[in-house]
Amino acid sequence: MADISIISGTIAEFIDGALTIVLLMIIYYIIRVFMVAPPSKEERMVKRKELEDQRAEWGKWVGGKFKEHKHKVQKEQRKGDVSVVKDNLKDALEGMEDIHSLLNKADLDRVKRTANRVKRDLQRAVGNLRLLRRKHEGEDRKAMQTAIDSLHGIEKMFVDDVEHKLPDKVDPDHTKYVNSVKDPIDAVVKLRGSLGTIWNDLEEFHTKFPAKP
C-alpha cells in the first residue's frame, strides 16, 4: 500500500508541475500578444510586395517552362516534317544514280522501271512539301513553295531529258549505244545536283530554327 501511495503522490506532483508549465506558457503568449505591436502599414506593404514578387517570379518560371516545351515540340515537329521530304529526295537521288549505272550497263528494261520509281518519289516529295507548306507562313511558306516549284521543274526535265530520250533498244554497236545514252546520262547528273540543292535548302530550313526559344 505504501508503494501505491508513493506512486500516486509522484503522479500528482507530475501533473501539478505540467499544469504549472502550461499555465506559464499561456501567460507568456498572452503577454506577447498584447505587448508586441501589430505590423505597421509600411510593414504590411513590404510583405504584400514580397508576396507579389514571389507570385511574379513563379509566373515567370512557369511561363518559361511552357515556352521551352512549346519550342521543343515545334522543333521536333519541324524536323519530322522535313525528314519525310528528305527521305523522298533521297529515294529519288538513289534512283537517278541507279539509272546512271544501268545505262552504262545497257540494261534499258531496268532503267525504265527505275525511271517510274523516280517520278513516283518526286511526286511524293511534292505532296509532302504541300502538307508542310500549310503549316507555315511568311518566309517559311515561300521557301516551301520555291522547293515545290523546283521539284516540278526537275520532274519535267527528268521526263523530257531522260525518260523521253532513252533509246528503244540497245544498239549492237557499242559506240552508237554510248552516243544514244549520252544526253540522258548528262541530264541525270545535272538533275541529281539540282535535287542536292533542294536537300541542302531543307536542311537549312530545319537548322535555322532557333536553338532556344
C-alpha atoms as a PDB file:
ATOM      1  CA  MET A   1       0.000   0.000   0.000  1.00  0.00           C
ATOM      2  CA  ALA A   2       2.896   2.313   0.799  1.00  0.00           C
ATOM      3  CA  ASP A   3       4.265   1.853  -2.688  1.00  0.00           C
ATOM      4  CA  ILE A   4       0.907   2.777  -4.227  1.00  0.00           C
ATOM      5  CA  SER A   5       0.723   5.933  -2.151  1.00  0.00           C
ATOM      6  CA  ILE A   6       4.216   6.921  -3.236  1.00  0.00           C
ATOM      7  CA  ILE A   7       3.358   6.360  -6.924  1.00  0.00           C
ATOM      8  CA  SER A   8       0.072   8.267  -6.634  1.00  0.00           C
ATOM      9  CA  GLY A   9       1.883  11.136  -4.997  1.00  0.00           C
ATOM     10  CA  THR A  10       4.533  11.202  -7.692  1.00  0.00           C
ATOM     11  CA  ILE A  11       1.908  11.257 -10.457  1.00  0.00           C
ATOM     12  CA  ALA A  12       0.038  14.064  -8.726  1.00  0.00           C
ATOM     13  CA  GLU A  13       3.246  16.061  -8.431  1.00  0.00           C
ATOM     14  CA  PHE A  14       3.998  15.470 -12.132  1.00  0.00           C
ATOM     15  CA  ILE A  15       0.521  16.593 -13.155  1.00  0.00           C
ATOM     16  CA  ASP A  16       0.777  19.681 -10.954  1.00  0.00           C
ATOM     17  CA  GLY A  17       4.149  20.519 -12.493  1.00  0.00           C
ATOM     18  CA  ALA A  18       2.836  20.044 -16.056  1.00  0.00           C
ATOM     19  CA  LEU A  19      -0.197  22.232 -15.372  1.00  0.00           C
ATOM     20  CA  THR A  20       2.077  24.909 -13.963  1.00  0.00           C
ATOM     21  CA  ILE A  21       4.254  24.851 -17.129  1.00  0.00           C
ATOM     22  CA  VAL A  22       1.183  25.040 -19.353  1.00  0.00           C
ATOM     23  CA  LEU A  23      -0.205  27.938 -17.325  1.00  0.00           C
ATOM     24  CA  LEU A  24       3.095  29.808 -17.561  1.00  0.00           C
ATOM     25  CA  MET A  25       3.187  29.301 -21.346  1.00  0.00           C
ATOM     26  CA  ILE A  26      -0.377  30.594 -21.679  1.00  0.00           C
ATOM     27  CA  ILE A  27       0.507  33.668 -19.627  1.00  0.00           C
ATOM     28  CA  TYR A  28       3.650  34.202 -21.776  1.00  0.00           C
ATOM     29  CA  TYR A  29       1.769  34.104 -25.077  1.00  0.00           C
ATOM     30  CA  ILE A  30      -0.996  36.366 -23.732  1.00  0.00           C
ATOM     31  CA  ILE A  31       1.602  38.929 -22.659  1.00  0.00           C
ATOM     32  CA  ARG A  32       3.362  38.594 -26.016  1.00  0.00           C
ATOM     33  CA  VAL A  33       0.152  39.185 -27.934  1.00  0.00           C
ATOM     34  CA  PHE A  34      -0.609  42.369 -26.024  1.00  0.00           C
ATOM     35  CA  MET A  35       2.942  43.681 -25.832  1.00  0.00           C
ATOM     36  CA  VAL A  36       4.004  43.058 -29.449  1.00  0.00           C
ATOM     37  CA  ALA A  37       2.695  45.816 -31.661  1.00  0.00           C
ATOM     38  CA  PRO A  38       0.741  44.816 -34.795  1.00  0.00           C
ATOM     39  CA  PRO A  39       2.559  45.302 -38.114  1.00  0.00           C
ATOM     40  CA  SER A  40       2.549  48.855 -39.403  1.00  0.00           C
ATOM     41  CA  LYS A  41       1.085  49.906 -42.753  1.00  0.00           C
ATOM     42  CA  GLU A  42       4.589  50.101 -44.212  1.00  0.00           C
ATOM     43  CA  GLU A  43       5.422  46.608 -42.977  1.00  0.00           C
ATOM     44  CA  ARG A  44       2.192  45.249 -44.439  1.00  0.00           C
ATOM     45  CA  MET A  45       3.005  46.919 -47.769  1.00  0.00           C
ATOM     46  CA  VAL A  46       6.503  45.431 -47.744  1.00  0.00           C
ATOM     47  CA  LYS A  47       5.089  41.984 -47.002  1.00  0.00           C
ATOM     48  CA  ARG A  48       2.462  42.364 -49.722  1.00  0.00           C
ATOM     49  CA  LYS A  49       5.140  43.396 -52.231  1.00  0.00           C
ATOM     50  CA  GLU A  50       7.239  40.392 -51.280  1.00  0.00           C
ATOM     51  CA  LEU A  51       4.280  38.115 -51.931  1.00  0.00           C
ATOM     52  CA  GLU A  52       3.543  39.829 -55.252  1.00  0.00           C
ATOM     53  CA  ASP A  53       7.194  39.500 -56.297  1.00  0.00           C
ATOM     54  CA  GLN A  54       7.133  35.824 -55.383  1.00  0.00           C
ATOM     55  CA  ARG A  55       3.979  35.278 -57.438  1.00  0.00           C
ATOM     56  CA  ALA A  56       5.528  37.176 -60.355  1.00  0.00           C
ATOM     57  CA  GLU A  57       8.695  35.058 -60.207  1.00  0.00           C
ATOM     58  CA  TRP A  58       6.610  31.888 -60.073  1.00  0.00           C
ATOM     59  CA  GLY A  59       4.536  33.006 -63.042  1.00  0.00           C
ATOM     60  CA  LYS A  60       7.697  33.847 -64.965  1.00  0.00           C
ATOM     61  CA  TRP A  61       9.193  30.437 -64.222  1.00  0.00           C
ATOM     62  CA  VAL A  62       6.016  28.595 -65.254  1.00  0.00           C
ATOM     63  CA  GLY A  63       5.741  30.710 -68.424  1.00  0.00           C
ATOM     64  CA  GLY A  64       9.373  29.993 -69.295  1.00  0.00           C
ATOM     65  CA  LYS A  65       8.892  26.251 -68.882  1.00  0.00           C
ATOM     66  CA  PHE A  66       5.783  26.320 -71.063  1.00  0.00           C
ATOM     67  CA  LYS A  67       7.643  28.295 -73.731  1.00  0.00           C
ATOM     68  CA  GLU A  68      10.557  25.838 -73.661  1.00  0.00           C
ATOM     69  CA  HIS A  69       8.188  22.886 -74.039  1.00  0.00           C
ATOM     70  CA  LYS A  70       6.319  24.522 -76.929  1.00  0.00           C
ATOM     71  CA  HIS A  71       9.613  25.343 -78.676  1.00  0.00           C
ATOM     72  CA  LYS A  72      10.830  21.762 -78.277  1.00  0.00           C
ATOM     73  CA  VAL A  73       7.593  20.364 -79.700  1.00  0.00           C
ATOM     74  CA  GLN A  74       7.725  22.767 -82.668  1.00  0.00           C
ATOM     75  CA  LYS A  75      11.360  21.935 -83.395  1.00  0.00           C
ATOM     76  CA  GLU A  76      10.729  18.192 -83.297  1.00  0.00           C
ATOM     77  CA  GLN A  77       7.660  18.619 -85.500  1.00  0.00           C
ATOM     78  CA  ARG A  78       9.666  20.695 -87.967  1.00  0.00           C
ATOM     79  CA  LYS A  79      12.421  18.090 -88.015  1.00  0.00           C
ATOM     80  CA  GLY A  80       9.909  15.289 -88.587  1.00  0.00           C
ATOM     81  CA  ASP A  81       8.138  17.116 -91.414  1.00  0.00           C
ATOM     82  CA  VAL A  82      11.401  17.898 -93.202  1.00  0.00           C
ATOM     83  CA  SER A  83      12.698  14.357 -92.690  1.00  0.00           C
ATOM     84  CA  VAL A  84       9.767  12.915 -94.642  1.00  0.00           C
ATOM     85  CA  VAL A  85      10.528  15.103 -97.663  1.00  0.00           C
ATOM     86  CA  LYS A  86      14.259  14.392 -97.373  1.00  0.00           C
ATOM     87  CA  ASP A  87      13.520  10.668 -97.451  1.00  0.00           C
ATOM     88  CA  ASN A  88      11.608  11.171-100.714  1.00  0.00           C
ATOM     89  CA  LEU A  89      14.513  13.133-102.177  1.00  0.00           C
ATOM     90  CA  LYS A  90      16.986  10.500-101.018  1.00  0.00           C
ATOM     91  CA  ASP A  91      14.995   7.802-102.795  1.00  0.00           C
ATOM     92  CA  ALA A  92      14.853   9.919-105.976  1.00  0.00           C
ATOM     93  CA  LEU A  93      18.597  10.593-105.809  1.00  0.00           C
ATOM     94  CA  GLU A  94      19.354   6.910-105.391  1.00  0.00           C
ATOM     95  CA  GLY A  95      17.033   6.112-108.302  1.00  0.00           C
ATOM     96  CA  MET A  96      18.851   8.569-110.574  1.00  0.00           C
ATOM     97  CA  GLU A  97      22.175   7.105-109.524  1.00  0.00           C
ATOM     98  CA  ASP A  98      20.842   3.640-110.398  1.00  0.00           C
ATOM     99  CA  ILE A  99      19.745   4.921-113.816  1.00  0.00           C
ATOM    100  CA  HIS A 100      23.244   6.284-114.426  1.00  0.00           C
ATOM    101  CA  SER A 101      24.734   2.896-113.565  1.00  0.00           C
ATOM    102  CA  LEU A 102      22.140   0.884-115.518  1.00  0.00           C
ATOM    103  CA  LEU A 103      22.600   2.993-118.655  1.00  0.00           C
ATOM    104  CA  ASN A 104      26.309   2.272-118.561  1.00  0.00           C
ATOM    105  CA  LYS A 105      25.422  -1.435-118.253  1.00  0.00           C
ATOM    106  CA  ALA A 106      22.962  -1.165-121.153  1.00  0.00           C
ATOM    107  CA  ASP A 107      20.101  -2.533-119.009  1.00  0.00           C
ATOM    108  CA  LEU A 108      17.281  -0.497-120.554  1.00  0.00           C
ATOM    109  CA  ASP A 109      14.433  -2.549-119.072  1.00  0.00           C
ATOM    110  CA  ARG A 110      15.553  -1.800-115.516  1.00  0.00           C
ATOM    111  CA  VAL A 111      16.251   1.825-116.453  1.00  0.00           C
ATOM    112  CA  LYS A 112      12.622   2.295-117.495  1.00  0.00           C
ATOM    113  CA  ARG A 113      11.300   0.660-114.319  1.00  0.00           C
ATOM    114  CA  THR A 114      13.615   2.793-112.216  1.00  0.00           C
ATOM    115  CA  ALA A 115      12.501   5.934-114.075  1.00  0.00           C
ATOM    116  CA  ASN A 116       8.918   5.251-112.991  1.00  0.00           C
ATOM    117  CA  ARG A 117      10.130   4.886-109.398  1.00  0.00           C
ATOM    118  CA  VAL A 118      11.997   8.200-109.546  1.00  0.00           C
ATOM    119  CA  LYS A 119       8.889  10.013-110.825  1.00  0.00           C
ATOM    120  CA  ARG A 120       6.854   8.498-108.008  1.00  0.00           C
ATOM    121  CA  ASP A 121       9.424   9.652-105.424  1.00  0.00           C
ATOM    122  CA  LEU A 122       9.437  13.183-106.845  1.00  0.00           C
ATOM    123  CA  GLN A 123       5.641  13.324-106.751  1.00  0.00           C
ATOM    124  CA  ARG A 124       5.638  12.148-103.123  1.00  0.00           C
ATOM    125  CA  ALA A 125       8.151  14.847-102.237  1.00  0.00           C
ATOM    126  CA  VAL A 126       5.895  17.475-103.810  1.00  0.00           C
ATOM    127  CA  GLY A 127       2.858  16.152-101.939  1.00  0.00           C
ATOM    128  CA  ASN A 128       4.662  16.199 -98.579  1.00  0.00           C
ATOM    129  CA  LEU A 129       6.009  19.687 -99.244  1.00  0.00           C
ATOM    130  CA  ARG A 130       2.465  20.898 -99.853  1.00  0.00           C
ATOM    131  CA  LEU A 131       1.422  19.495 -96.484  1.00  0.00           C
ATOM    132  CA  LEU A 132       4.420  21.197 -94.892  1.00  0.00           C
ATOM    133  CA  ARG A 133       3.613  24.484 -96.624  1.00  0.00           C
ATOM    134  CA  ARG A 134       0.177  24.597 -94.971  1.00  0.00           C
ATOM    135  CA  LYS A 135       1.787  24.639 -91.533  1.00  0.00           C
ATOM    136  CA  HIS A 136       3.883  27.759 -92.142  1.00  0.00           C
ATOM    137  CA  GLU A 137       3.511  31.375 -93.083  1.00  0.00           C
ATOM    138  CA  GLY A 138       5.675  34.218 -94.328  1.00  0.00           C
ATOM    139  CA  GLU A 139       9.208  33.397 -95.483  1.00  0.00           C
ATOM    140  CA  ASP A 140       8.941  29.743 -94.469  1.00  0.00           C
ATOM    141  CA  ARG A 141       5.861  29.298 -96.646  1.00  0.00           C
ATOM    142  CA  LYS A 142       7.653  30.979 -99.547  1.00  0.00           C
ATOM    143  CA  ALA A 143      10.616  28.631 -99.075  1.00  0.00           C
ATOM    144  CA  MET A 144       8.301  25.609 -99.289  1.00  0.00           C
ATOM    145  CA  GLN A 145       6.676  26.981-102.450  1.00  0.00           C
ATOM    146  CA  THR A 146      10.080  27.577-104.019  1.00  0.00           C
ATOM    147  CA  ALA A 147      11.037  23.958-103.312  1.00  0.00           C
ATOM    148  CA  ILE A 148       7.741  22.742-104.802  1.00  0.00           C
ATOM    149  CA  ASP A 149       8.273  24.786-107.975  1.00  0.00           C
ATOM    150  CA  SER A 150      11.834  23.480-108.259  1.00  0.00           C
ATOM    151  CA  LEU A 151      10.691  19.878-107.924  1.00  0.00           C
ATOM    152  CA  HIS A 152       8.042  20.384-110.601  1.00  0.00           C
ATOM    153  CA  GLY A 153      10.805  21.679-112.878  1.00  0.00           C
ATOM    154  CA  ILE A 154      13.055  18.728-112.052  1.00  0.00           C
ATOM    155  CA  GLU A 155      10.264  16.255-112.742  1.00  0.00           C
ATOM    156  CA  LYS A 156       9.548  17.852-116.125  1.00  0.00           C
ATOM    157  CA  MET A 157      13.237  17.843-117.062  1.00  0.00           C
ATOM    158  CA  PHE A 158      13.519  14.225-115.961  1.00  0.00           C
ATOM    159  CA  VAL A 159      10.654  13.212-118.260  1.00  0.00           C
ATOM    160  CA  ASP A 160      11.817  15.355-121.203  1.00  0.00           C
ATOM    161  CA  ASP A 161      15.589  14.903-120.980  1.00  0.00           C
ATOM    162  CA  VAL A 162      15.912  11.406-119.530  1.00  0.00           C
ATOM    163  CA  GLU A 163      12.804   9.280-119.996  1.00  0.00           C
ATOM    164  CA  HIS A 164      11.834  10.521-123.464  1.00  0.00           C
ATOM    165  CA  LYS A 165      15.406  10.366-124.755  1.00  0.00           C
ATOM    166  CA  LEU A 166      16.088   6.774-123.827  1.00  0.00           C
ATOM    167  CA  PRO A 167      16.750   4.560-126.869  1.00  0.00           C
ATOM    168  CA  ASP A 168      14.101   1.965-127.629  1.00  0.00           C
ATOM    169  CA  LYS A 169      16.666  -0.804-127.659  1.00  0.00           C
ATOM    170  CA  VAL A 170      20.368  -1.390-127.153  1.00  0.00           C
ATOM    171  CA  ASP A 171      22.315  -0.838-130.358  1.00  0.00           C
ATOM    172  CA  PRO A 172      24.736  -3.706-131.002  1.00  0.00           C
ATOM    173  CA  ASP A 173      27.348  -1.129-131.927  1.00  0.00           C
ATOM    174  CA  HIS A 174      28.721  -0.088-128.545  1.00  0.00           C
ATOM    175  CA  THR A 175      29.861   3.328-129.797  1.00  0.00           C
ATOM    176  CA  LYS A 176      26.423   4.092-131.190  1.00  0.00           C
ATOM    177  CA  TYR A 177      24.812   2.936-127.930  1.00  0.00           C
ATOM    178  CA  VAL A 178      27.092   5.167-125.868  1.00  0.00           C
ATOM    179  CA  ASN A 179      26.191   8.134-128.028  1.00  0.00           C
ATOM    180  CA  SER A 180      22.479   7.318-127.723  1.00  0.00           C
ATOM    181  CA  VAL A 181      22.538   7.461-123.903  1.00  0.00           C
ATOM    182  CA  LYS A 182      24.964  10.380-123.528  1.00  0.00           C
ATOM    183  CA  ASP A 183      22.233  13.018-123.201  1.00  0.00           C
ATOM    184  CA  PRO A 184      20.138  11.041-120.633  1.00  0.00           C
ATOM    185  CA  ILE A 185      23.254  10.387-118.558  1.00  0.00           C
ATOM    186  CA  ASP A 186      24.274  14.063-118.642  1.00  0.00           C
ATOM    187  CA  ALA A 187      20.706  15.044-117.684  1.00  0.00           C
ATOM    188  CA  VAL A 188      20.671  12.621-114.733  1.00  0.00           C
ATOM    189  CA  VAL A 189      23.950  14.057-113.428  1.00  0.00           C
ATOM    190  CA  LYS A 190      22.588  17.593-113.686  1.00  0.00           C
ATOM    191  CA  LEU A 191      19.271  16.707-112.044  1.00  0.00           C
ATOM    192  CA  ARG A 192      20.990  14.978-109.137  1.00  0.00           C
ATOM    193  CA  GLY A 193      22.848  18.220-108.488  1.00  0.00           C
ATOM    194  CA  SER A 194      19.553  20.144-108.506  1.00  0.00           C
ATOM    195  CA  LEU A 195      17.996  17.693-106.049  1.00  0.00           C
ATOM    196  CA  GLY A 196      21.044  18.055-103.834  1.00  0.00           C
ATOM    197  CA  THR A 197      20.452  21.813-103.729  1.00  0.00           C
ATOM    198  CA  ILE A 198      16.859  21.310-102.572  1.00  0.00           C
ATOM    199  CA  TRP A 199      18.111  18.828 -99.960  1.00  0.00           C
ATOM    200  CA  ASN A 200      20.508  21.467 -98.599  1.00  0.00           C
ATOM    201  CA  ASP A 201      17.743  24.084 -98.558  1.00  0.00           C
ATOM    202  CA  LEU A 202      15.547  21.794 -96.475  1.00  0.00           C
ATOM    203  CA  GLU A 203      18.422  21.091 -94.124  1.00  0.00           C
ATOM    204  CA  GLU A 204      18.909  24.830 -93.649  1.00  0.00           C
ATOM    205  CA  PHE A 205      15.157  25.248 -93.112  1.00  0.00           C
ATOM    206  CA  HIS A 206      15.417  22.876 -90.168  1.00  0.00           C
ATOM    207  CA  THR A 207      18.721  24.016 -88.664  1.00  0.00           C
ATOM    208  CA  LYS A 208      17.899  27.736 -88.826  1.00  0.00           C
ATOM    209  CA  PHE A 209      15.069  27.142 -86.362  1.00  0.00           C
ATOM    210  CA  PRO A 210      16.270  28.847 -83.149  1.00  0.00           C
ATOM    211  CA  ALA A 211      18.157  26.532 -80.816  1.00  0.00           C
ATOM    212  CA  LYS A 212      16.421  28.219 -77.876  1.00  0.00           C
ATOM    213  CA  PRO A 213      13.010  29.875 -77.518  1.00  0.00           C
END
